[in-house]
Amino acid sequence: MKNKKAQTGDSSKRGQMGETITWVVATLIIVVILAVSLLVSSLILGDEKSLGFLKTTDVLASKSLFSYLLTKDADENNVYAQLKNQENLNEFSGNLGKSIFQKYYGSEYEDVWVGIILDRKFLPALPNDFFGRRPSGVRPSGEISTKYVSTGKISEKIYLNEEKDLELILSEEASIR
């Protein structure tokens, strides 16, 4: 009788040992798979740690755009109110936009444009004396469409009124205007 009890205890220990070894081997396999995937991704990206083709927004540029719109001129009118009431960029809003966006983002992006969009469906943009014509081939922010080609281009739009929007475009490659 004592032998049967001893055999039952040994088989229980063997079962626990087998299950433990299974879990340890499975954990090691998962760690190896993760290590291989990290190695492959670091080889593919090289020194570049960002996935630029997935970048759809620039948070700093977006905040700069909002700050730009809140900036007041000598008459205490902010840029947002000026753009809302006027047809295009005026001397103050154009020069301020140029000093902010081309100065701070011109080294990071090849093409910088700020301007007024009149019709949201067809995107006719008003050319202005400060940034020229709107670059072609830029998908508007929030638009999920395949008719626009957009690689390395960021678009931020601000609603001004029912007729027009303000748009900021940052492009990593120069576009044809």
C-alpha atoms as a PDB file:
ATOM      1  CA  MET A   1       0.000   0.000   0.000  1.00  0.00           C
ATOM      2  CA  LYS A   2       2.796   2.385   0.798  1.00  0.00           C
ATOM      3  CA  ASN A   3       4.313   1.768  -2.639  1.00  0.00           C
ATOM      4  CA  LYS A   4       1.107   2.845  -4.413  1.00  0.00           C
ATOM      5  CA  LYS A   5       1.000   6.093  -2.431  1.00  0.00           C
ATOM      6  CA  ALA A   6       4.645   6.795  -3.236  1.00  0.00           C
ATOM      7  CA  GLN A   7       4.034   6.153  -6.950  1.00  0.00           C
ATOM      8  CA  THR A   8       1.059   8.531  -7.016  1.00  0.00           C
ATOM      9  CA  GLY A   9       3.178  11.313  -5.440  1.00  0.00           C
ATOM     10  CA  ASP A  10       5.986  10.737  -7.952  1.00  0.00           C
ATOM     11  CA  SER A  11       3.640  10.930 -10.946  1.00  0.00           C
ATOM     12  CA  SER A  12       2.111  14.119  -9.582  1.00  0.00           C
ATOM     13  CA  LYS A  13       5.569  15.663  -9.257  1.00  0.00           C
ATOM     14  CA  ARG A  14       6.432  14.492 -12.791  1.00  0.00           C
ATOM     15  CA  GLY A  15       3.244  16.118 -14.113  1.00  0.00           C
ATOM     16  CA  GLN A  16       4.048  19.406 -12.389  1.00  0.00           C
ATOM     17  CA  MET A  17       7.619  19.237 -13.656  1.00  0.00           C
ATOM     18  CA  GLY A  18       6.431  18.594 -17.239  1.00  0.00           C
ATOM     19  CA  GLU A  19       3.943  21.459 -17.122  1.00  0.00           C
ATOM     20  CA  THR A  20       6.593  23.819 -15.701  1.00  0.00           C
ATOM     21  CA  ILE A  21       9.063  22.886 -18.426  1.00  0.00           C
ATOM     22  CA  THR A  22       6.360  23.454 -21.072  1.00  0.00           C
ATOM     23  CA  TRP A  23       5.650  26.978 -19.764  1.00  0.00           C
ATOM     24  CA  VAL A  24       9.335  27.844 -19.520  1.00  0.00           C
ATOM     25  CA  VAL A  25       9.954  26.690 -23.108  1.00  0.00           C
ATOM     26  CA  ALA A  26       6.867  28.602 -24.364  1.00  0.00           C
ATOM     27  CA  THR A  27       8.054  31.769 -22.585  1.00  0.00           C
ATOM     28  CA  LEU A  28      11.517  31.419 -24.099  1.00  0.00           C
ATOM     29  CA  ILE A  29      10.011  31.015 -27.581  1.00  0.00           C
ATOM     30  CA  ILE A  30       7.939  34.199 -27.121  1.00  0.00           C
ATOM     31  CA  VAL A  31      11.014  36.126 -25.931  1.00  0.00           C
ATOM     32  CA  VAL A  32      13.006  34.912 -28.944  1.00  0.00           C
ATOM     33  CA  ILE A  33      10.199  35.953 -31.356  1.00  0.00           C
ATOM     34  CA  LEU A  34      10.044  39.438 -29.781  1.00  0.00           C
ATOM     35  CA  ALA A  35      13.833  39.803 -29.943  1.00  0.00           C
ATOM     36  CA  VAL A  36      13.876  38.786 -33.621  1.00  0.00           C
ATOM     37  CA  SER A  37      11.069  41.245 -34.472  1.00  0.00           C
ATOM     38  CA  LEU A  38      12.907  44.088 -32.699  1.00  0.00           C
ATOM     39  CA  LEU A  39      16.123  43.220 -34.509  1.00  0.00           C
ATOM     40  CA  VAL A  40      14.390  43.130 -37.906  1.00  0.00           C
ATOM     41  CA  SER A  41      12.583  46.432 -37.315  1.00  0.00           C
ATOM     42  CA  SER A  42      15.789  48.145 -36.190  1.00  0.00           C
ATOM     43  CA  LEU A  43      17.576  46.860 -39.307  1.00  0.00           C
ATOM     44  CA  ILE A  44      14.791  48.110 -41.566  1.00  0.00           C
ATOM     45  CA  LEU A  45      14.567  51.565 -39.948  1.00  0.00           C
ATOM     46  CA  GLY A  46      18.298  51.976 -39.422  1.00  0.00           C
ATOM     47  CA  ASP A  47      19.111  55.227 -37.636  1.00  0.00           C
ATOM     48  CA  GLU A  48      15.723  56.732 -38.450  1.00  0.00           C
ATOM     49  CA  LYS A  49      13.495  55.956 -35.484  1.00  0.00           C
ATOM     50  CA  SER A  50      10.254  57.454 -36.795  1.00  0.00           C
ATOM     51  CA  LEU A  51       7.873  55.967 -39.294  1.00  0.00           C
ATOM     52  CA  GLY A  52       7.596  59.066 -41.476  1.00  0.00           C
ATOM     53  CA  PHE A  53       5.176  57.531 -43.938  1.00  0.00           C
ATOM     54  CA  LEU A  54       2.617  57.174 -41.128  1.00  0.00           C
ATOM     55  CA  LYS A  55       2.942  60.751 -39.912  1.00  0.00           C
ATOM     56  CA  THR A  56      -0.296  62.606 -40.535  1.00  0.00           C
ATOM     57  CA  THR A  57      -0.008  65.457 -38.093  1.00  0.00           C
ATOM     58  CA  ASP A  58       2.625  67.611 -36.453  1.00  0.00           C
ATOM     59  CA  VAL A  59       1.434  68.431 -32.946  1.00  0.00           C
ATOM     60  CA  LEU A  60       3.823  71.345 -32.521  1.00  0.00           C
ATOM     61  CA  ALA A  61       2.758  72.865 -35.852  1.00  0.00           C
ATOM     62  CA  SER A  62      -0.894  72.420 -34.898  1.00  0.00           C
ATOM     63  CA  LYS A  63      -0.348  74.250 -31.625  1.00  0.00           C
ATOM     64  CA  SER A  64       1.619  76.939 -33.458  1.00  0.00           C
ATOM     65  CA  LEU A  65      -1.321  77.394 -35.831  1.00  0.00           C
ATOM     66  CA  PHE A  66      -3.737  77.894 -32.936  1.00  0.00           C
ATOM     67  CA  SER A  67      -1.353  80.334 -31.248  1.00  0.00           C
ATOM     68  CA  TYR A  68      -0.949  82.193 -34.556  1.00  0.00           C
ATOM     69  CA  LEU A  69      -4.736  82.612 -34.771  1.00  0.00           C
ATOM     70  CA  LEU A  70      -4.903  84.014 -31.223  1.00  0.00           C
ATOM     71  CA  THR A  71      -2.136  86.608 -31.790  1.00  0.00           C
ATOM     72  CA  LYS A  72      -3.429  90.186 -31.678  1.00  0.00           C
ATOM     73  CA  ASP A  73      -2.324  93.134 -33.800  1.00  0.00           C
ATOM     74  CA  ALA A  74      -1.900  96.756 -32.634  1.00  0.00           C
ATOM     75  CA  ASP A  75      -5.692  97.298 -32.782  1.00  0.00           C
ATOM     76  CA  GLU A  76      -6.274  94.284 -30.462  1.00  0.00           C
ATOM     77  CA  ASN A  77      -7.837  92.196 -33.261  1.00  0.00           C
ATOM     78  CA  ASN A  78      -6.663  88.591 -33.318  1.00  0.00           C
ATOM     79  CA  VAL A  79      -5.669  86.907 -36.566  1.00  0.00           C
ATOM     80  CA  TYR A  80      -8.694  84.584 -36.434  1.00  0.00           C
ATOM     81  CA  ALA A  81     -11.111  87.541 -36.448  1.00  0.00           C
ATOM     82  CA  GLN A  82      -9.158  89.238 -39.233  1.00  0.00           C
ATOM     83  CA  LEU A  83      -9.176  86.149 -41.446  1.00  0.00           C
ATOM     84  CA  LYS A  84     -12.825  85.492 -40.702  1.00  0.00           C
ATOM     85  CA  ASN A  85     -13.819  88.995 -41.838  1.00  0.00           C
ATOM     86  CA  GLN A  86     -11.320  89.594 -44.656  1.00  0.00           C
ATOM     87  CA  GLU A  87     -10.942  87.844 -47.984  1.00  0.00           C
ATOM     88  CA  ASN A  88      -7.283  86.841 -47.642  1.00  0.00           C
ATOM     89  CA  LEU A  89      -4.170  87.254 -45.523  1.00  0.00           C
ATOM     90  CA  ASN A  90      -3.448  90.912 -44.779  1.00  0.00           C
ATOM     91  CA  GLU A  91      -0.063  92.492 -44.135  1.00  0.00           C
ATOM     92  CA  PHE A  92      -0.043  91.631 -40.415  1.00  0.00           C
ATOM     93  CA  SER A  93      -1.374  88.055 -40.643  1.00  0.00           C
ATOM     94  CA  GLY A  94       0.742  87.213 -43.705  1.00  0.00           C
ATOM     95  CA  ASN A  95       4.031  88.497 -42.312  1.00  0.00           C
ATOM     96  CA  LEU A  96       3.330  86.941 -38.912  1.00  0.00           C
ATOM     97  CA  GLY A  97       2.521  83.593 -40.549  1.00  0.00           C
ATOM     98  CA  LYS A  98       5.652  83.779 -42.648  1.00  0.00           C
ATOM     99  CA  SER A  99       7.837  84.588 -39.634  1.00  0.00           C
ATOM    100  CA  ILE A 100       6.344  81.713 -37.616  1.00  0.00           C
ATOM    101  CA  PHE A 101       5.889  78.904 -40.097  1.00  0.00           C
ATOM    102  CA  GLN A 102       8.749  79.447 -42.539  1.00  0.00           C
ATOM    103  CA  LYS A 103      11.204  80.334 -39.792  1.00  0.00           C
ATOM    104  CA  TYR A 104      10.442  77.396 -37.506  1.00  0.00           C
ATOM    105  CA  TYR A 105       9.274  74.735 -39.962  1.00  0.00           C
ATOM    106  CA  GLY A 106      11.174  75.701 -43.109  1.00  0.00           C
ATOM    107  CA  SER A 107      14.226  73.676 -42.086  1.00  0.00           C
ATOM    108  CA  GLU A 108      12.180  70.551 -41.256  1.00  0.00           C
ATOM    109  CA  TYR A 109       9.812  70.735 -44.238  1.00  0.00           C
ATOM    110  CA  GLU A 110      10.663  71.524 -47.845  1.00  0.00           C
ATOM    111  CA  ASP A 111       7.366  73.299 -48.563  1.00  0.00           C
ATOM    112  CA  VAL A 112       5.308  75.425 -46.122  1.00  0.00           C
ATOM    113  CA  TRP A 113       1.999  77.028 -47.105  1.00  0.00           C
ATOM    114  CA  VAL A 114      -0.658  78.934 -45.160  1.00  0.00           C
ATOM    115  CA  GLY A 115      -3.741  80.212 -46.931  1.00  0.00           C
ATOM    116  CA  ILE A 116      -7.487  80.424 -47.353  1.00  0.00           C
ATOM    117  CA  ILE A 117      -9.592  77.605 -48.848  1.00  0.00           C
ATOM    118  CA  LEU A 118     -12.906  78.810 -50.291  1.00  0.00           C
ATOM    119  CA  ASP A 119     -14.821  75.666 -51.269  1.00  0.00           C
ATOM    120  CA  ARG A 120     -14.375  72.517 -49.201  1.00  0.00           C
ATOM    121  CA  LYS A 121     -15.363  70.154 -52.018  1.00  0.00           C
ATOM    122  CA  PHE A 122     -13.101  71.405 -54.801  1.00  0.00           C
ATOM    123  CA  LEU A 123     -10.384  73.059 -52.669  1.00  0.00           C
ATOM    124  CA  PRO A 124      -9.899  76.258 -54.649  1.00  0.00           C
ATOM    125  CA  ALA A 125      -7.376  78.145 -52.580  1.00  0.00           C
ATOM    126  CA  LEU A 126      -6.671  81.818 -52.811  1.00  0.00           C
ATOM    127  CA  PRO A 127      -3.047  82.517 -53.694  1.00  0.00           C
ATOM    128  CA  ASN A 128      -1.465  85.053 -51.394  1.00  0.00           C
ATOM    129  CA  ASP A 129       1.579  87.317 -51.520  1.00  0.00           C
ATOM    130  CA  PHE A 130       3.248  85.570 -48.587  1.00  0.00           C
ATOM    131  CA  PHE A 131       3.081  81.848 -49.423  1.00  0.00           C
ATOM    132  CA  GLY A 132       2.032  81.831 -53.097  1.00  0.00           C
ATOM    133  CA  ARG A 133      -0.344  79.180 -54.459  1.00  0.00           C
ATOM    134  CA  ARG A 134      -1.516  76.113 -52.561  1.00  0.00           C
ATOM    135  CA  PRO A 135       0.682  73.046 -53.260  1.00  0.00           C
ATOM    136  CA  SER A 136      -0.925  70.359 -55.379  1.00  0.00           C
ATOM    137  CA  GLY A 137      -1.430  66.735 -54.372  1.00  0.00           C
ATOM    138  CA  VAL A 138      -2.177  67.369 -50.698  1.00  0.00           C
ATOM    139  CA  ARG A 139      -5.028  65.526 -49.032  1.00  0.00           C
ATOM    140  CA  PRO A 140      -6.959  67.793 -46.680  1.00  0.00           C
ATOM    141  CA  SER A 141      -6.891  66.853 -43.018  1.00  0.00           C
ATOM    142  CA  GLY A 142      -9.734  64.564 -42.032  1.00  0.00           C
ATOM    143  CA  GLU A 143     -10.494  63.561 -45.621  1.00  0.00           C
ATOM    144  CA  ILE A 144     -10.329  59.854 -46.348  1.00  0.00           C
ATOM    145  CA  SER A 145     -10.077  59.733 -50.103  1.00  0.00           C
ATOM    146  CA  THR A 146      -7.874  58.055 -52.659  1.00  0.00           C
ATOM    147  CA  LYS A 147      -8.078  60.865 -55.204  1.00  0.00           C
ATOM    148  CA  TYR A 148      -5.327  62.824 -53.428  1.00  0.00           C
ATOM    149  CA  VAL A 149      -1.704  61.700 -53.398  1.00  0.00           C
ATOM    150  CA  SER A 150      -0.192  62.444 -50.014  1.00  0.00           C
ATOM    151  CA  THR A 151       3.240  61.237 -49.028  1.00  0.00           C
ATOM    152  CA  GLY A 152       5.087  63.177 -46.383  1.00  0.00           C
ATOM    153  CA  LYS A 153       2.548  65.994 -46.389  1.00  0.00           C
ATOM    154  CA  ILE A 154       0.648  67.316 -43.397  1.00  0.00           C
ATOM    155  CA  SER A 155      -2.470  69.432 -43.664  1.00  0.00           C
ATOM    156  CA  GLU A 156      -4.170  71.255 -40.787  1.00  0.00           C
ATOM    157  CA  LYS A 157      -7.445  73.079 -41.439  1.00  0.00           C
ATOM    158  CA  ILE A 158      -9.252  75.621 -39.255  1.00  0.00           C
ATOM    159  CA  TYR A 159     -12.894  76.492 -39.868  1.00  0.00           C
ATOM    160  CA  LEU A 160     -13.320  80.254 -40.284  1.00  0.00           C
ATOM    161  CA  ASN A 161     -16.913  80.513 -41.479  1.00  0.00           C
ATOM    162  CA  GLU A 162     -19.385  78.775 -43.813  1.00  0.00           C
ATOM    163  CA  GLU A 163     -17.487  79.937 -46.886  1.00  0.00           C
ATOM    164  CA  LYS A 164     -13.834  79.430 -46.030  1.00  0.00           C
ATOM    165  CA  ASP A 165     -11.176  77.626 -44.003  1.00  0.00           C
ATOM    166  CA  LEU A 166      -7.602  78.435 -43.108  1.00  0.00           C
ATOM    167  CA  GLU A 167      -5.150  75.685 -44.047  1.00  0.00           C
ATOM    168  CA  LEU A 168      -1.555  74.982 -43.083  1.00  0.00           C
ATOM    169  CA  ILE A 169       0.378  72.584 -45.317  1.00  0.00           C
ATOM    170  CA  LEU A 170       3.761  71.176 -44.399  1.00  0.00           C
ATOM    171  CA  SER A 171       5.416  69.015 -47.047  1.00  0.00           C
ATOM    172  CA  GLU A 172       8.628  67.036 -46.824  1.00  0.00           C
ATOM    173  CA  GLU A 173       9.150  67.379 -50.575  1.00  0.00           C
ATOM    174  CA  ALA A 174       8.770  70.421 -52.789  1.00  0.00           C
ATOM    175  CA  SER A 175       5.576  70.430 -54.801  1.00  0.00           C
ATOM    176  CA  ILE A 176       4.686  71.930 -58.149  1.00  0.00           C
ATOM    177  CA  ARG A 177       2.644  75.113 -57.777  1.00  0.00           C
END
